[in-house]
C-alpha cells in the first residue's frame, strides 16, 4: 500500500511539474476576438505582437487610438480642455507638443496630419462609444477596459464629443460643458470645457487595404 501511494505521489508531482513547465513555455493566450491590434502603418498584428498604435473594435467597426508612455502626441498622460474650433475653451490642458498648452482640437489635427495607422477621420468619441469599451476587469486597481489592447488608460475623466451639456452643482457657474467618462469608476459626468481631461480618439475609417486573415472584417 505504501509503495502504491509513493508511486501515486511521484506521478502526481511529475504531472504537476510538467503542467507548470508547459504554462511557462506556452505564450499567454490573451486574445479577445472583439479586438485586434493594428500597427502604425495599418498592418494587422497577432494578439501577442507589438508594438501597436491602434486597436480595432470589430464588433463596432471602430478604430481606436492607443495611448503611449513615450511623450509623443499620443502619450496617455497629456490632458486637454474641450475645444472644437468654435465652442469650448482652447489651450487649457497640459502637454509637451504644443507651445500654448493643449485642447482636444490640437490632438485631432495632429493625429489626422500624421494619418495614424494609415487612416484619417480621427475625432472625439461619443459618450456611447466610450462606454461601449467598458469591460469588467478583475485585476485590482485597473481600468474597466480590455487593458491588453488599451494600455495607459488613466484614472481620470475622458472627453466625449457630446457637448453643450448643462452644468450643475459646483460647475453651474460655467454654464455648459461636455460629457466625460471614467474607466475606473465607470461614471459619466458633465465637465466645464476648461477642465483638463484625458482623450482617446476614434475613427470609422479603417485601413481597408489591410484585410489579411479577415482581421478587419466586421
N, C-alpha and C. Protein backbone atom coordinates (compact mmCIF):
# COMPACT_ATOMS: atom_id res chain seq x y z
N UNK A 1 0.84 -1.21 0.00
CA UNK A 1 0.00 0.00 0.00
C UNK A 1 0.87 1.25 0.00
N UNK A 2 1.95 1.23 0.86
CA UNK A 2 2.83 2.38 0.92
C UNK A 2 3.53 2.60 -0.42
N UNK A 3 3.90 1.49 -1.08
CA UNK A 3 4.57 1.61 -2.38
C UNK A 3 3.64 2.25 -3.40
N UNK A 4 2.37 1.84 -3.40
CA UNK A 4 1.40 2.39 -4.34
C UNK A 4 1.20 3.88 -4.10
N UNK A 5 1.11 4.27 -2.82
CA UNK A 5 0.94 5.69 -2.50
C UNK A 5 2.15 6.49 -2.94
N UNK A 6 3.35 5.90 -2.75
CA UNK A 6 4.57 6.58 -3.15
C UNK A 6 4.60 6.78 -4.66
N UNK A 7 4.24 5.72 -5.39
CA UNK A 7 4.22 5.83 -6.85
C UNK A 7 3.20 6.88 -7.30
N UNK A 8 2.03 6.88 -6.65
CA UNK A 8 0.99 7.86 -6.99
C UNK A 8 1.46 9.28 -6.72
N UNK A 9 2.16 9.48 -5.59
CA UNK A 9 2.66 10.81 -5.24
C UNK A 9 3.70 11.28 -6.24
N UNK A 10 4.58 10.35 -6.64
CA UNK A 10 5.62 10.71 -7.60
C UNK A 10 5.00 11.09 -8.94
N UNK A 11 4.02 10.30 -9.39
CA UNK A 11 3.35 10.60 -10.66
C UNK A 11 2.63 11.95 -10.59
N UNK A 12 1.99 12.22 -9.45
CA UNK A 12 1.30 13.50 -9.29
C UNK A 12 2.27 14.66 -9.38
N UNK A 13 3.42 14.53 -8.73
CA UNK A 13 4.43 15.58 -8.78
C UNK A 13 4.95 15.78 -10.20
N UNK A 14 5.19 14.67 -10.91
CA UNK A 14 5.69 14.76 -12.29
C UNK A 14 4.68 15.44 -13.20
N UNK A 15 3.40 15.06 -13.05
CA UNK A 15 2.36 15.67 -13.88
C UNK A 15 2.25 17.16 -13.59
N UNK A 16 2.26 17.51 -12.30
CA UNK A 16 2.15 18.93 -11.92
C UNK A 16 3.35 19.72 -12.42
N UNK A 17 4.55 19.15 -12.32
CA UNK A 17 5.75 19.82 -12.81
C UNK A 17 5.69 20.04 -14.30
N UNK A 18 5.24 19.01 -15.03
CA UNK A 18 5.11 19.14 -16.49
C UNK A 18 4.10 20.22 -16.86
N UNK A 19 2.99 20.27 -16.10
CA UNK A 19 1.95 21.27 -16.38
C UNK A 19 2.50 22.67 -16.15
N UNK A 20 3.23 22.87 -15.05
CA UNK A 20 3.81 24.17 -14.75
C UNK A 20 4.81 24.59 -15.83
N UNK A 21 5.64 23.64 -16.28
CA UNK A 21 6.61 23.95 -17.33
C UNK A 21 5.90 24.34 -18.61
N UNK A 22 4.83 23.63 -18.94
CA UNK A 22 4.06 23.94 -20.15
C UNK A 22 3.45 25.33 -20.07
N UNK A 23 2.97 25.70 -18.86
CA UNK A 23 2.39 27.03 -18.68
C UNK A 23 3.44 28.11 -18.89
N UNK A 24 4.66 27.88 -18.43
CA UNK A 24 5.72 28.86 -18.57
C UNK A 24 6.18 28.99 -20.01
N UNK A 25 6.21 27.87 -20.73
CA UNK A 25 6.73 27.88 -22.09
C UNK A 25 5.68 28.28 -23.12
N UNK A 26 4.41 28.18 -22.77
CA UNK A 26 3.35 28.49 -23.73
C UNK A 26 2.97 29.96 -23.62
N UNK A 27 2.94 30.71 -24.76
CA UNK A 27 2.53 32.11 -24.70
C UNK A 27 1.13 32.25 -24.11
N UNK A 28 0.96 33.28 -23.29
CA UNK A 28 -0.35 33.52 -22.69
C UNK A 28 -1.35 33.88 -23.77
N UNK A 29 -2.46 33.21 -23.79
CA UNK A 29 -3.49 33.48 -24.78
C UNK A 29 -4.43 34.54 -24.22
N UNK A 30 -4.13 35.82 -24.56
CA UNK A 30 -4.98 36.88 -24.08
C UNK A 30 -5.82 37.45 -25.23
N UNK A 31 -6.03 36.63 -26.27
CA UNK A 31 -6.80 37.10 -27.41
C UNK A 31 -8.23 37.40 -26.99
N UNK A 32 -8.69 38.54 -27.41
CA UNK A 32 -10.09 38.91 -27.23
C UNK A 32 -10.60 39.11 -28.65
N UNK A 33 -11.47 38.24 -29.10
CA UNK A 33 -11.81 38.21 -30.51
C UNK A 33 -12.63 39.41 -30.95
N UNK A 34 -13.01 40.26 -30.00
CA UNK A 34 -13.67 41.51 -30.39
C UNK A 34 -12.65 42.52 -30.92
N UNK A 35 -11.40 42.44 -30.41
CA UNK A 35 -10.40 43.46 -30.70
C UNK A 35 -9.24 42.90 -31.52
N UNK A 36 -8.57 43.79 -32.24
CA UNK A 36 -7.37 43.42 -32.99
C UNK A 36 -6.36 44.56 -32.92
N UNK A 37 -5.09 44.19 -32.83
CA UNK A 37 -4.02 45.18 -32.80
C UNK A 37 -3.67 45.60 -34.23
N UNK A 38 -3.44 46.91 -34.40
CA UNK A 38 -3.07 47.45 -35.70
C UNK A 38 -1.80 48.26 -35.53
N UNK A 39 -0.81 48.00 -36.40
CA UNK A 39 0.46 48.73 -36.33
C UNK A 39 0.28 50.15 -36.87
N UNK A 40 1.27 50.98 -36.63
CA UNK A 40 1.17 52.39 -37.02
C UNK A 40 1.03 52.58 -38.53
N UNK A 41 1.48 51.57 -39.32
CA UNK A 41 1.34 51.66 -40.78
C UNK A 41 0.04 51.03 -41.29
N UNK A 42 -0.81 50.58 -40.39
CA UNK A 42 -2.08 49.99 -40.79
C UNK A 42 -2.08 48.48 -40.89
N UNK A 43 -0.92 47.85 -40.66
CA UNK A 43 -0.83 46.39 -40.76
C UNK A 43 -1.46 45.73 -39.53
N UNK A 44 -2.26 44.68 -39.73
CA UNK A 44 -2.81 43.95 -38.58
C UNK A 44 -1.73 43.11 -37.91
N UNK A 45 -1.85 42.95 -36.60
CA UNK A 45 -0.89 42.18 -35.83
C UNK A 45 -1.61 41.05 -35.11
N UNK A 46 -0.86 40.03 -34.73
CA UNK A 46 -1.41 38.97 -33.89
C UNK A 46 -1.55 39.48 -32.46
N UNK A 47 -2.39 38.83 -31.65
CA UNK A 47 -2.64 39.33 -30.29
C UNK A 47 -1.39 39.47 -29.44
N UNK A 48 -0.38 38.63 -29.65
CA UNK A 48 0.82 38.68 -28.81
C UNK A 48 1.92 39.56 -29.41
N UNK A 49 1.65 40.19 -30.57
CA UNK A 49 2.64 41.02 -31.21
C UNK A 49 2.56 42.47 -30.74
N UNK A 50 3.60 43.22 -31.01
CA UNK A 50 3.64 44.64 -30.70
C UNK A 50 4.91 45.23 -31.32
N UNK A 51 5.09 46.52 -31.27
CA UNK A 51 4.14 47.48 -30.71
C UNK A 51 2.96 47.71 -31.66
N UNK A 52 1.86 48.22 -31.11
CA UNK A 52 0.71 48.56 -31.92
C UNK A 52 0.28 49.98 -31.60
N UNK A 53 -0.33 50.64 -32.56
CA UNK A 53 -0.68 52.06 -32.42
C UNK A 53 -2.18 52.28 -32.36
N UNK A 54 -2.94 51.29 -32.81
CA UNK A 54 -4.40 51.39 -32.81
C UNK A 54 -5.00 50.05 -32.41
N UNK A 55 -6.22 50.09 -31.93
CA UNK A 55 -6.97 48.88 -31.63
C UNK A 55 -8.28 48.92 -32.38
N UNK A 56 -8.52 47.88 -33.13
CA UNK A 56 -9.76 47.77 -33.91
C UNK A 56 -10.83 47.06 -33.10
N UNK A 57 -11.97 47.70 -32.98
CA UNK A 57 -13.14 47.08 -32.37
C UNK A 57 -13.97 46.50 -33.51
N UNK A 58 -13.83 45.19 -33.73
CA UNK A 58 -14.52 44.56 -34.86
C UNK A 58 -16.02 44.51 -34.65
N UNK A 59 -16.45 44.53 -33.41
CA UNK A 59 -17.87 44.48 -33.10
C UNK A 59 -18.57 45.79 -33.49
N UNK A 60 -17.88 46.91 -33.24
CA UNK A 60 -18.47 48.22 -33.52
C UNK A 60 -18.00 48.82 -34.84
N UNK A 61 -16.97 48.23 -35.44
CA UNK A 61 -16.42 48.79 -36.68
C UNK A 61 -15.71 50.11 -36.45
N UNK A 62 -15.02 50.23 -35.30
CA UNK A 62 -14.33 51.46 -34.95
C UNK A 62 -12.85 51.19 -34.71
N UNK A 63 -12.03 52.16 -35.07
CA UNK A 63 -10.59 52.08 -34.84
C UNK A 63 -10.23 53.10 -33.77
N UNK A 64 -9.55 52.64 -32.71
CA UNK A 64 -9.24 53.49 -31.57
C UNK A 64 -7.75 53.80 -31.51
N UNK A 65 -7.44 55.02 -31.13
CA UNK A 65 -6.07 55.41 -30.82
C UNK A 65 -5.60 54.64 -29.59
N UNK A 66 -4.36 54.20 -29.60
CA UNK A 66 -3.76 53.55 -28.42
C UNK A 66 -2.81 54.55 -27.77
N UNK A 67 -3.01 54.77 -26.47
CA UNK A 67 -2.18 55.72 -25.75
C UNK A 67 -0.81 55.11 -25.43
N UNK A 68 0.18 55.97 -25.28
CA UNK A 68 1.56 55.54 -25.09
C UNK A 68 2.12 56.14 -23.80
N UNK A 69 3.39 55.86 -23.57
CA UNK A 69 4.12 56.44 -22.44
C UNK A 69 5.49 56.90 -22.94
N UNK A 70 5.49 57.61 -24.09
CA UNK A 70 6.74 57.98 -24.74
C UNK A 70 6.85 59.47 -25.04
N UNK A 71 5.96 60.29 -24.48
CA UNK A 71 5.94 61.74 -24.67
C UNK A 71 5.69 62.14 -26.12
N UNK A 72 5.13 61.22 -26.92
CA UNK A 72 4.67 61.59 -28.26
C UNK A 72 3.31 62.27 -28.12
N UNK A 73 2.70 62.64 -29.23
CA UNK A 73 1.39 63.28 -29.17
C UNK A 73 0.33 62.34 -28.60
N UNK A 74 0.62 61.03 -28.57
CA UNK A 74 -0.35 60.05 -28.09
C UNK A 74 -0.10 59.62 -26.65
N UNK A 75 0.79 60.32 -25.96
CA UNK A 75 1.11 59.95 -24.58
C UNK A 75 -0.15 60.01 -23.71
N UNK A 76 -0.35 58.97 -22.92
CA UNK A 76 -1.56 58.86 -22.12
C UNK A 76 -1.65 59.85 -20.98
N UNK A 77 -0.54 60.50 -20.63
CA UNK A 77 -0.56 61.45 -19.51
C UNK A 77 -1.02 62.85 -19.93
N UNK A 78 -1.02 63.16 -21.22
CA UNK A 78 -1.40 64.50 -21.64
C UNK A 78 -2.89 64.73 -21.37
N UNK A 79 -3.21 65.96 -21.01
CA UNK A 79 -4.61 66.33 -20.77
C UNK A 79 -4.98 67.50 -21.69
N UNK A 80 -6.30 67.68 -21.87
CA UNK A 80 -6.80 68.64 -22.85
C UNK A 80 -8.07 69.32 -22.34
N UNK A 81 -8.19 70.60 -22.64
CA UNK A 81 -9.50 71.24 -22.48
C UNK A 81 -10.33 70.90 -23.72
N UNK A 82 -11.66 71.02 -23.59
CA UNK A 82 -12.55 70.64 -24.70
C UNK A 82 -12.73 71.84 -25.63
N UNK A 83 -12.38 71.63 -26.92
CA UNK A 83 -12.48 72.71 -27.90
C UNK A 83 -12.61 72.10 -29.29
N UNK A 84 -13.56 72.61 -30.08
CA UNK A 84 -13.75 72.10 -31.44
C UNK A 84 -13.48 73.14 -32.51
N UNK A 85 -12.88 74.24 -32.13
CA UNK A 85 -12.59 75.32 -33.08
C UNK A 85 -13.59 76.45 -33.02
N UNK A 86 -14.79 76.17 -32.51
CA UNK A 86 -15.82 77.20 -32.38
C UNK A 86 -16.34 77.28 -30.95
N UNK A 87 -16.61 76.13 -30.36
CA UNK A 87 -17.13 76.08 -29.00
C UNK A 87 -16.08 75.48 -28.07
N UNK A 88 -16.20 75.85 -26.79
CA UNK A 88 -15.31 75.28 -25.80
C UNK A 88 -14.26 76.26 -25.34
N UNK A 89 -13.17 75.70 -24.79
CA UNK A 89 -12.08 76.50 -24.25
C UNK A 89 -10.76 75.98 -24.80
N UNK A 90 -10.07 76.80 -25.55
CA UNK A 90 -8.80 76.35 -26.13
C UNK A 90 -7.66 76.46 -25.11
N UNK A 91 -6.68 75.58 -25.27
CA UNK A 91 -5.38 75.66 -24.58
C UNK A 91 -5.46 75.73 -23.06
N UNK A 92 -6.21 74.80 -22.46
CA UNK A 92 -6.27 74.73 -21.00
C UNK A 92 -5.80 73.37 -20.48
N UNK A 93 -5.25 72.56 -21.36
CA UNK A 93 -4.70 71.27 -20.93
C UNK A 93 -3.20 71.34 -20.81
N UNK A 94 -2.57 70.20 -20.59
CA UNK A 94 -1.12 70.15 -20.43
C UNK A 94 -0.51 69.06 -21.30
N UNK A 95 0.45 69.48 -22.13
CA UNK A 95 1.20 68.53 -22.96
C UNK A 95 2.52 69.19 -23.36
N UNK A 96 3.39 68.42 -24.01
CA UNK A 96 4.69 68.94 -24.44
C UNK A 96 4.74 69.26 -25.93
N UNK A 97 3.70 68.88 -26.69
CA UNK A 97 3.82 69.03 -28.14
C UNK A 97 3.19 70.30 -28.69
N UNK A 98 2.63 71.15 -27.83
CA UNK A 98 2.08 72.43 -28.24
C UNK A 98 2.71 73.55 -27.41
N UNK A 99 3.01 74.68 -28.06
CA UNK A 99 3.62 75.80 -27.35
C UNK A 99 2.65 76.47 -26.37
N UNK A 100 1.35 76.47 -26.73
CA UNK A 100 0.35 77.20 -25.93
C UNK A 100 -0.58 76.26 -25.17
N UNK A 101 -0.02 75.22 -24.59
CA UNK A 101 -0.82 74.22 -23.90
C UNK A 101 -1.73 73.49 -24.89
N UNK A 102 -2.70 72.72 -24.40
CA UNK A 102 -3.39 71.78 -25.28
C UNK A 102 -4.89 71.81 -25.15
N UNK A 103 -5.57 71.57 -26.27
CA UNK A 103 -7.01 71.32 -26.28
C UNK A 103 -7.28 70.14 -27.21
N UNK A 104 -8.50 69.66 -27.19
CA UNK A 104 -8.83 68.44 -27.94
C UNK A 104 -8.62 68.62 -29.44
N UNK A 105 -8.86 69.83 -29.94
CA UNK A 105 -8.67 70.06 -31.37
C UNK A 105 -7.22 69.89 -31.78
N UNK A 106 -6.28 70.26 -30.90
CA UNK A 106 -4.87 70.07 -31.20
C UNK A 106 -4.55 68.61 -31.48
N UNK A 107 -5.04 67.73 -30.62
CA UNK A 107 -4.76 66.30 -30.80
C UNK A 107 -5.44 65.76 -32.05
N UNK A 108 -6.66 66.18 -32.31
CA UNK A 108 -7.38 65.73 -33.51
C UNK A 108 -6.62 66.14 -34.77
N UNK A 109 -6.20 67.40 -34.84
CA UNK A 109 -5.48 67.89 -36.02
C UNK A 109 -4.16 67.15 -36.20
N UNK A 110 -3.39 67.03 -35.13
CA UNK A 110 -2.08 66.37 -35.22
C UNK A 110 -2.22 64.91 -35.63
N UNK A 111 -3.21 64.22 -35.09
CA UNK A 111 -3.37 62.79 -35.40
C UNK A 111 -3.81 62.59 -36.84
N UNK A 112 -4.65 63.47 -37.36
CA UNK A 112 -5.06 63.37 -38.76
C UNK A 112 -3.93 63.75 -39.70
N UNK A 113 -3.12 64.72 -39.33
CA UNK A 113 -1.94 65.05 -40.13
C UNK A 113 -0.98 63.86 -40.19
N UNK A 114 -0.86 63.17 -39.09
CA UNK A 114 0.02 62.00 -39.01
C UNK A 114 -0.54 60.81 -39.76
N UNK A 115 -1.85 60.80 -39.97
CA UNK A 115 -2.54 59.64 -40.55
C UNK A 115 -2.20 58.38 -39.75
N UNK A 116 -2.48 58.46 -38.45
CA UNK A 116 -2.19 57.35 -37.56
C UNK A 116 -2.82 56.06 -38.08
N UNK A 117 -2.03 55.00 -38.12
CA UNK A 117 -2.47 53.69 -38.61
C UNK A 117 -2.96 53.75 -40.06
N UNK A 118 -2.41 54.73 -40.79
CA UNK A 118 -2.68 54.86 -42.23
C UNK A 118 -4.13 55.24 -42.52
N UNK A 119 -4.78 55.92 -41.57
CA UNK A 119 -6.14 56.41 -41.81
C UNK A 119 -6.26 57.83 -41.25
N UNK A 120 -7.34 58.50 -41.67
CA UNK A 120 -7.66 59.82 -41.14
C UNK A 120 -9.10 59.77 -40.62
N UNK A 121 -9.69 60.91 -40.42
CA UNK A 121 -11.04 60.94 -39.86
C UNK A 121 -11.06 60.77 -38.36
N UNK A 122 -9.92 60.99 -37.69
CA UNK A 122 -9.86 60.85 -36.23
C UNK A 122 -10.67 61.96 -35.58
N UNK A 123 -11.36 61.61 -34.50
CA UNK A 123 -12.26 62.54 -33.83
C UNK A 123 -12.44 62.12 -32.37
N UNK A 124 -13.12 62.98 -31.60
CA UNK A 124 -13.53 62.59 -30.26
C UNK A 124 -14.65 61.56 -30.35
N UNK A 125 -14.67 60.55 -29.50
CA UNK A 125 -15.76 59.58 -29.50
C UNK A 125 -17.01 60.16 -28.84
N UNK A 126 -18.15 59.61 -29.18
CA UNK A 126 -19.36 59.95 -28.45
C UNK A 126 -19.30 59.30 -27.08
N UNK A 127 -20.16 59.76 -26.19
CA UNK A 127 -20.23 59.15 -24.87
C UNK A 127 -20.60 57.67 -24.97
N UNK A 128 -21.51 57.34 -25.87
CA UNK A 128 -21.92 55.94 -26.04
C UNK A 128 -20.76 55.09 -26.54
N UNK A 129 -19.94 55.64 -27.44
CA UNK A 129 -18.79 54.89 -27.94
C UNK A 129 -17.77 54.64 -26.83
N UNK A 130 -17.53 55.65 -26.01
CA UNK A 130 -16.62 55.45 -24.88
C UNK A 130 -17.13 54.36 -23.96
N UNK A 131 -18.40 54.43 -23.61
CA UNK A 131 -18.96 53.45 -22.67
C UNK A 131 -19.02 52.05 -23.26
N UNK A 132 -19.02 51.95 -24.60
CA UNK A 132 -19.04 50.62 -25.23
C UNK A 132 -17.74 49.85 -24.96
N UNK A 133 -16.68 50.56 -24.56
CA UNK A 133 -15.40 49.91 -24.27
C UNK A 133 -15.35 49.33 -22.86
N UNK A 134 -16.38 49.60 -22.07
CA UNK A 134 -16.39 49.08 -20.70
C UNK A 134 -16.28 47.56 -20.73
N UNK A 135 -15.37 47.04 -19.94
CA UNK A 135 -15.15 45.59 -19.83
C UNK A 135 -14.73 45.29 -18.39
N UNK A 136 -15.46 44.43 -17.72
CA UNK A 136 -15.13 44.10 -16.34
C UNK A 136 -13.72 43.55 -16.26
N UNK A 137 -12.92 44.16 -15.42
CA UNK A 137 -11.53 43.76 -15.23
C UNK A 137 -11.36 43.40 -13.76
N UNK A 138 -11.03 42.15 -13.48
CA UNK A 138 -10.93 41.69 -12.10
C UNK A 138 -9.58 42.00 -11.46
N UNK A 139 -8.62 42.51 -12.24
CA UNK A 139 -7.33 42.87 -11.67
C UNK A 139 -7.49 44.11 -10.79
N UNK A 140 -6.86 44.14 -9.64
CA UNK A 140 -7.02 45.28 -8.73
C UNK A 140 -6.42 46.55 -9.31
N UNK A 141 -7.09 47.67 -9.07
CA UNK A 141 -6.60 48.99 -9.46
C UNK A 141 -6.32 49.09 -10.95
N UNK A 142 -7.17 48.47 -11.75
CA UNK A 142 -7.05 48.53 -13.20
C UNK A 142 -8.30 49.15 -13.80
N UNK A 143 -8.13 49.78 -14.96
CA UNK A 143 -9.27 50.34 -15.67
C UNK A 143 -10.21 49.22 -16.10
N UNK A 144 -11.50 49.52 -16.11
CA UNK A 144 -12.51 48.54 -16.52
C UNK A 144 -12.63 48.58 -18.05
N UNK A 145 -11.61 48.02 -18.68
CA UNK A 145 -11.47 48.03 -20.13
C UNK A 145 -10.53 46.89 -20.48
N UNK A 146 -10.49 46.46 -21.73
CA UNK A 146 -9.58 45.39 -22.15
C UNK A 146 -8.16 45.96 -22.18
N UNK A 147 -7.50 45.95 -21.01
CA UNK A 147 -6.22 46.64 -20.87
C UNK A 147 -5.11 46.05 -21.73
N UNK A 148 -5.26 44.78 -22.16
CA UNK A 148 -4.24 44.20 -23.03
C UNK A 148 -4.27 44.82 -24.42
N UNK A 149 -5.37 45.49 -24.75
CA UNK A 149 -5.48 46.19 -26.03
C UNK A 149 -5.49 47.70 -25.86
N UNK A 150 -5.80 48.18 -24.65
CA UNK A 150 -5.87 49.61 -24.37
C UNK A 150 -5.00 49.93 -23.15
N UNK A 151 -3.67 49.99 -23.34
CA UNK A 151 -2.79 50.32 -22.22
C UNK A 151 -2.80 51.82 -21.94
N UNK A 152 -2.21 52.19 -20.83
CA UNK A 152 -2.03 53.59 -20.47
C UNK A 152 -3.34 54.36 -20.28
N UNK A 153 -4.41 53.65 -19.90
CA UNK A 153 -5.66 54.33 -19.55
C UNK A 153 -5.57 54.79 -18.10
N UNK A 154 -5.76 56.07 -17.88
CA UNK A 154 -5.53 56.67 -16.57
C UNK A 154 -6.81 56.73 -15.75
N UNK A 155 -6.62 56.87 -14.44
CA UNK A 155 -7.74 57.01 -13.52
C UNK A 155 -8.17 58.47 -13.52
N UNK A 156 -9.01 58.82 -14.47
CA UNK A 156 -9.47 60.18 -14.64
C UNK A 156 -10.55 60.23 -15.70
N UNK A 157 -10.99 61.42 -16.04
CA UNK A 157 -12.11 61.60 -16.98
C UNK A 157 -11.59 61.70 -18.41
N UNK A 158 -12.36 61.08 -19.34
CA UNK A 158 -12.03 61.10 -20.77
C UNK A 158 -13.14 61.84 -21.51
N UNK A 159 -12.73 62.83 -22.29
CA UNK A 159 -13.70 63.65 -23.02
C UNK A 159 -14.46 62.85 -24.07
N UNK A 160 -15.73 63.15 -24.21
CA UNK A 160 -16.53 62.68 -25.34
C UNK A 160 -16.83 63.87 -26.24
N UNK A 161 -17.45 63.62 -27.36
CA UNK A 161 -17.83 64.70 -28.28
C UNK A 161 -19.16 65.34 -27.90
N UNK A 162 -19.86 64.75 -26.94
CA UNK A 162 -21.18 65.26 -26.54
C UNK A 162 -21.01 66.55 -25.74
N UNK A 163 -21.39 67.66 -26.35
CA UNK A 163 -21.16 68.95 -25.72
C UNK A 163 -22.46 69.74 -25.55
N UNK A 164 -22.32 70.99 -25.14
CA UNK A 164 -23.46 71.86 -24.81
C UNK A 164 -24.35 71.19 -23.77
N UNK A 165 -23.69 70.59 -22.78
CA UNK A 165 -24.38 69.94 -21.69
C UNK A 165 -24.51 70.93 -20.52
N UNK A 166 -25.71 71.07 -19.98
CA UNK A 166 -25.92 71.99 -18.86
C UNK A 166 -25.15 71.49 -17.64
N UNK A 167 -24.45 72.39 -16.98
CA UNK A 167 -23.66 72.06 -15.81
C UNK A 167 -24.46 72.35 -14.54
N UNK A 168 -24.22 71.55 -13.52
CA UNK A 168 -24.95 71.71 -12.26
C UNK A 168 -23.97 71.73 -11.09
N UNK A 169 -24.49 72.00 -9.91
CA UNK A 169 -23.68 71.95 -8.71
C UNK A 169 -22.52 72.92 -8.74
N UNK A 170 -21.35 72.43 -8.36
CA UNK A 170 -20.14 73.24 -8.28
C UNK A 170 -19.79 73.90 -9.62
N UNK A 171 -20.13 73.23 -10.72
CA UNK A 171 -19.76 73.73 -12.05
C UNK A 171 -20.83 74.62 -12.68
N UNK A 172 -21.92 74.84 -12.02
CA UNK A 172 -23.06 75.53 -12.63
C UNK A 172 -22.68 76.92 -13.15
N UNK A 173 -21.75 77.58 -12.48
CA UNK A 173 -21.38 78.94 -12.88
C UNK A 173 -20.72 78.99 -14.25
N UNK A 174 -20.25 77.84 -14.76
CA UNK A 174 -19.62 77.81 -16.07
C UNK A 174 -20.62 77.61 -17.21
N UNK A 175 -21.89 77.40 -16.89
CA UNK A 175 -22.93 77.30 -17.90
C UNK A 175 -23.03 75.94 -18.54
N UNK A 176 -22.21 75.70 -19.56
CA UNK A 176 -22.27 74.44 -20.32
C UNK A 176 -20.89 73.81 -20.43
N UNK A 177 -20.90 72.52 -20.73
CA UNK A 177 -19.66 71.78 -20.91
C UNK A 177 -19.90 70.55 -21.76
N UNK A 178 -19.06 69.55 -21.58
CA UNK A 178 -19.15 68.32 -22.38
C UNK A 178 -19.13 67.11 -21.45
N UNK A 179 -19.64 65.99 -21.96
CA UNK A 179 -19.67 64.75 -21.19
C UNK A 179 -18.29 64.10 -21.16
N UNK A 180 -17.98 63.48 -20.04
CA UNK A 180 -16.74 62.74 -19.90
C UNK A 180 -17.03 61.43 -19.17
N UNK A 181 -16.15 60.45 -19.38
CA UNK A 181 -16.35 59.11 -18.82
C UNK A 181 -15.08 58.65 -18.13
N UNK A 182 -15.24 58.00 -16.98
CA UNK A 182 -14.12 57.48 -16.21
C UNK A 182 -14.14 55.95 -16.28
N UNK A 183 -13.04 55.34 -16.79
CA UNK A 183 -12.98 53.90 -16.97
C UNK A 183 -12.70 53.14 -15.67
N UNK A 184 -12.35 53.84 -14.61
CA UNK A 184 -12.13 53.19 -13.32
C UNK A 184 -13.42 53.13 -12.52
N UNK A 185 -14.10 54.25 -12.42
CA UNK A 185 -15.34 54.30 -11.64
C UNK A 185 -16.57 54.00 -12.49
N UNK A 186 -16.39 53.91 -13.82
CA UNK A 186 -17.50 53.70 -14.76
C UNK A 186 -18.56 54.79 -14.61
N UNK A 187 -18.12 56.00 -14.32
CA UNK A 187 -19.05 57.10 -14.10
C UNK A 187 -18.98 58.10 -15.25
N UNK A 188 -20.11 58.70 -15.54
CA UNK A 188 -20.19 59.73 -16.56
C UNK A 188 -20.63 61.03 -15.89
N UNK A 189 -20.03 62.13 -16.30
CA UNK A 189 -20.42 63.42 -15.74
C UNK A 189 -20.16 64.52 -16.76
N UNK A 190 -20.80 65.66 -16.55
CA UNK A 190 -20.61 66.82 -17.40
C UNK A 190 -19.55 67.72 -16.77
N UNK A 191 -18.54 68.10 -17.56
CA UNK A 191 -17.45 68.93 -17.07
C UNK A 191 -17.40 70.24 -17.84
N UNK A 192 -16.94 71.32 -17.20
CA UNK A 192 -16.71 72.57 -17.94
C UNK A 192 -15.68 72.35 -19.04
N UNK A 193 -15.85 73.06 -20.15
CA UNK A 193 -14.91 72.92 -21.26
C UNK A 193 -13.47 73.20 -20.82
N UNK A 194 -13.29 74.06 -19.83
CA UNK A 194 -11.96 74.47 -19.40
C UNK A 194 -11.23 73.40 -18.60
N UNK A 195 -11.93 72.38 -18.12
CA UNK A 195 -11.27 71.33 -17.34
C UNK A 195 -10.26 70.57 -18.17
N UNK A 196 -9.17 70.18 -17.55
CA UNK A 196 -8.16 69.36 -18.22
C UNK A 196 -8.52 67.89 -18.01
N UNK A 197 -8.84 67.19 -19.10
CA UNK A 197 -9.21 65.77 -19.02
C UNK A 197 -8.43 65.00 -20.08
N UNK A 198 -8.49 63.67 -19.98
CA UNK A 198 -7.78 62.81 -20.92
C UNK A 198 -8.59 62.64 -22.20
N UNK A 199 -7.92 62.10 -23.23
CA UNK A 199 -8.58 61.90 -24.52
C UNK A 199 -8.08 60.60 -25.14
N UNK A 200 -9.01 59.86 -25.73
CA UNK A 200 -8.68 58.74 -26.62
C UNK A 200 -9.52 58.92 -27.87
N UNK A 201 -8.86 59.01 -29.03
CA UNK A 201 -9.55 59.31 -30.28
C UNK A 201 -10.06 58.05 -30.96
N UNK A 202 -11.00 58.24 -31.89
CA UNK A 202 -11.61 57.13 -32.61
C UNK A 202 -11.87 57.56 -34.05
N UNK A 203 -12.02 56.59 -34.93
CA UNK A 203 -12.41 56.86 -36.31
C UNK A 203 -13.16 55.66 -36.87
N UNK A 204 -14.09 55.95 -37.80
CA UNK A 204 -14.77 54.86 -38.51
C UNK A 204 -13.98 54.40 -39.72
N UNK A 205 -12.98 55.20 -40.13
CA UNK A 205 -12.19 54.86 -41.30
C UNK A 205 -11.17 53.79 -40.94
N UNK A 206 -11.21 52.68 -41.65
CA UNK A 206 -10.32 51.56 -41.36
C UNK A 206 -9.27 51.43 -42.46
N UNK A 207 -8.11 50.87 -42.14
CA UNK A 207 -7.09 50.63 -43.18
C UNK A 207 -7.57 49.52 -44.10
N UNK A 208 -8.43 49.87 -45.05
CA UNK A 208 -9.18 48.89 -45.85
C UNK A 208 -8.30 47.99 -46.70
N UNK A 209 -7.08 48.44 -47.01
CA UNK A 209 -6.20 47.60 -47.83
C UNK A 209 -5.54 46.51 -47.01
N UNK A 210 -5.73 46.52 -45.68
CA UNK A 210 -5.10 45.54 -44.81
C UNK A 210 -6.17 44.59 -44.28
N UNK A 211 -6.45 43.54 -45.02
CA UNK A 211 -7.55 42.65 -44.62
C UNK A 211 -7.08 41.20 -44.46
N UNK A 212 -5.78 40.99 -44.24
CA UNK A 212 -5.25 39.64 -44.13
C UNK A 212 -5.98 38.87 -43.04
N UNK A 213 -6.33 37.64 -43.35
CA UNK A 213 -6.93 36.70 -42.39
C UNK A 213 -8.21 37.22 -41.79
N UNK A 214 -8.83 38.15 -42.49
CA UNK A 214 -10.12 38.66 -42.02
C UNK A 214 -10.01 39.48 -40.76
N UNK A 215 -8.81 40.01 -40.46
CA UNK A 215 -8.61 40.74 -39.21
C UNK A 215 -9.51 41.95 -39.15
N UNK A 216 -9.74 42.59 -40.27
CA UNK A 216 -10.52 43.82 -40.27
C UNK A 216 -11.97 43.58 -40.67
N UNK A 217 -12.39 42.34 -40.74
CA UNK A 217 -13.79 42.09 -41.09
C UNK A 217 -14.68 42.48 -39.94
N UNK A 218 -15.86 43.00 -40.27
CA UNK A 218 -16.80 43.46 -39.25
C UNK A 218 -17.77 42.35 -38.87
